[in-house]
């Protein structure tokens, strides 16, 4: 005899379509963006050298050289941009409604410290140590 399966109507069901992209996919996309940007930078640098030496066009060479110098910064910023989260982040904070610790018993700062009243200590021993 089988028992009926308990109902879990209150449980939240997660769908695979709501999951974020995997870390390896995100790294692949970032790497591809970075390599494309660095490839364009390399072409700008080679174009600047050819423009200065072969075609004797310094204006074009300076523009290409500026692109070759600026593109590494842009490539890093674009590669590190990452992807936007596919679902909104939770708005609740941890510990909502939690109470803090209560104050301990009041102490008298002018009271004398406790003294050792044990009688089994030998005359030359330090207080609080056994002579055995």
Protein backbone atom coordinates (compact mmCIF):
# COMPACT_ATOMS: atom_id res chain seq x y z
CA UNK A 1 0.00 0.00 0.00
CA UNK A 2 1.44 3.34 -0.97
CA UNK A 3 0.80 6.53 0.86
CA UNK A 4 -0.17 9.64 -1.07
CA UNK A 5 2.66 12.02 -1.74
CA UNK A 6 2.56 15.11 0.50
CA UNK A 7 1.63 18.34 -1.21
CA UNK A 8 4.32 21.02 -1.47
CA UNK A 9 2.21 23.90 -2.76
CA UNK A 10 4.20 26.45 -0.76
CA UNK A 11 7.61 25.38 -2.09
CA UNK A 12 9.20 27.61 -4.72
CA UNK A 13 9.92 25.93 -8.03
CA UNK A 14 13.10 26.95 -9.84
CA UNK A 15 13.24 26.89 -13.59
CA UNK A 16 16.46 26.34 -15.46
CA UNK A 17 15.69 29.34 -17.67
CA UNK A 18 15.99 31.59 -14.59
CA UNK A 19 19.56 30.44 -13.89
CA UNK A 20 22.48 32.75 -14.65
CA UNK A 21 25.05 31.93 -17.29
CA UNK A 22 27.80 29.62 -16.13
CA UNK A 23 31.13 31.08 -15.07
CA UNK A 24 32.98 29.37 -17.92
CA UNK A 25 30.58 30.89 -20.49
CA UNK A 26 31.02 34.33 -18.93
CA UNK A 27 34.82 33.99 -19.02
CA UNK A 28 34.68 32.86 -22.67
CA UNK A 29 32.65 35.94 -23.64
CA UNK A 30 35.02 38.27 -21.76
CA UNK A 31 38.09 36.64 -23.29
CA UNK A 32 36.63 36.93 -26.79
CA UNK A 33 35.86 40.65 -26.28
CA UNK A 34 39.37 41.30 -24.96
CA UNK A 35 41.08 39.45 -27.81
CA UNK A 36 39.04 41.30 -30.44
CA UNK A 37 39.97 44.65 -28.87
CA UNK A 38 43.64 43.70 -28.69
CA UNK A 39 43.57 42.52 -32.30
CA UNK A 40 42.25 45.93 -33.36
CA UNK A 41 44.99 47.56 -31.27
CA UNK A 42 47.64 45.49 -33.02
CA UNK A 43 46.25 46.49 -36.42
CA UNK A 44 46.31 50.16 -35.35
CA UNK A 45 49.94 49.89 -34.30
CA UNK A 46 51.00 48.13 -37.49
CA UNK A 47 49.00 50.68 -39.53
CA UNK A 48 50.71 53.55 -37.69
CA UNK A 49 54.17 52.15 -38.43
CA UNK A 50 53.28 51.61 -42.11
CA UNK A 51 51.72 55.08 -42.29
CA UNK A 52 54.85 56.76 -40.91
CA UNK A 53 57.47 54.74 -42.79
CA UNK A 54 55.90 53.67 -46.08
CA UNK A 55 53.18 56.17 -46.97
CA UNK A 56 54.73 59.18 -45.21
CA UNK A 57 51.31 60.18 -43.80
CA UNK A 58 52.03 61.46 -40.28
CA UNK A 59 48.44 62.61 -39.59
CA UNK A 60 47.02 59.13 -40.17
CA UNK A 61 49.94 57.61 -38.28
CA UNK A 62 49.29 59.77 -35.19
CA UNK A 63 45.59 58.85 -35.19
CA UNK A 64 46.39 55.14 -35.46
CA UNK A 65 49.09 55.42 -32.79
CA UNK A 66 46.65 57.16 -30.43
CA UNK A 67 44.17 54.33 -31.04
CA UNK A 68 46.89 51.78 -30.29
CA UNK A 69 47.67 53.54 -26.99
CA UNK A 70 44.06 54.04 -25.86
CA UNK A 71 42.63 50.65 -26.85
CA UNK A 72 44.30 48.60 -24.06
CA UNK A 73 42.42 50.62 -21.41
CA UNK A 74 39.16 50.30 -23.32
CA UNK A 75 39.76 46.56 -23.85
CA UNK A 76 40.23 45.94 -20.13
CA UNK A 77 37.17 47.97 -19.15
CA UNK A 78 34.99 46.23 -21.76
CA UNK A 79 36.31 42.77 -20.87
CA UNK A 80 35.71 43.31 -17.15
CA UNK A 81 32.21 44.70 -17.68
CA UNK A 82 30.71 41.23 -17.27
CA UNK A 83 27.11 40.40 -17.85
CA UNK A 84 24.08 41.93 -16.20
CA UNK A 85 22.24 39.65 -13.80
CA UNK A 86 19.34 37.91 -15.51
CA UNK A 87 17.08 38.21 -12.49
CA UNK A 88 16.69 40.92 -9.86
CA UNK A 89 18.65 40.61 -6.66
CA UNK A 90 16.72 39.93 -3.44
CA UNK A 91 15.70 43.00 -1.48
CA UNK A 92 15.50 41.40 1.97
CA UNK A 93 18.44 41.74 4.30
CA UNK A 94 19.77 39.07 6.59
CA UNK A 95 18.83 39.38 10.21
CA UNK A 96 15.67 41.39 9.70
CA UNK A 97 13.80 41.51 12.98
CA UNK A 98 16.71 40.07 14.94
CA UNK A 99 17.43 41.57 18.31
CA UNK A 100 20.85 42.36 19.69
CA UNK A 101 22.43 41.07 22.86
CA UNK A 102 21.05 42.29 26.13
CA UNK A 103 23.17 44.06 28.72
CA UNK A 104 24.85 41.86 31.30
CA UNK A 105 24.57 42.28 35.06
CA UNK A 106 25.75 45.59 36.41
CA UNK A 107 29.17 45.53 38.05
CA UNK A 108 30.57 47.77 40.75
CA UNK A 109 33.89 49.21 39.47
CA UNK A 110 34.94 50.20 43.00
CA UNK A 111 34.58 46.68 44.43
CA UNK A 112 37.76 44.90 45.50
CA UNK A 113 38.93 41.99 43.32
CA UNK A 114 38.19 38.50 44.64
CA UNK A 115 40.86 37.02 46.91
CA UNK A 116 42.09 33.45 47.12
CA UNK A 117 40.72 31.95 50.32
CA UNK A 118 42.05 28.44 49.85
CA UNK A 119 43.84 27.04 52.94
CA UNK A 120 45.74 24.20 51.32
CA UNK A 121 48.49 26.36 49.78
CA UNK A 122 51.95 25.94 51.26
CA UNK A 123 53.67 29.05 52.66
CA UNK A 124 56.12 29.63 49.75
CA UNK A 125 53.78 28.80 46.86
CA UNK A 126 52.25 31.30 44.50
CA UNK A 127 48.56 32.00 45.02
CA UNK A 128 46.31 29.82 42.89
CA UNK A 129 48.85 27.01 42.31
CA UNK A 130 48.94 23.58 43.89
CA UNK A 131 52.01 22.48 45.78
CA UNK A 132 51.58 18.82 44.79
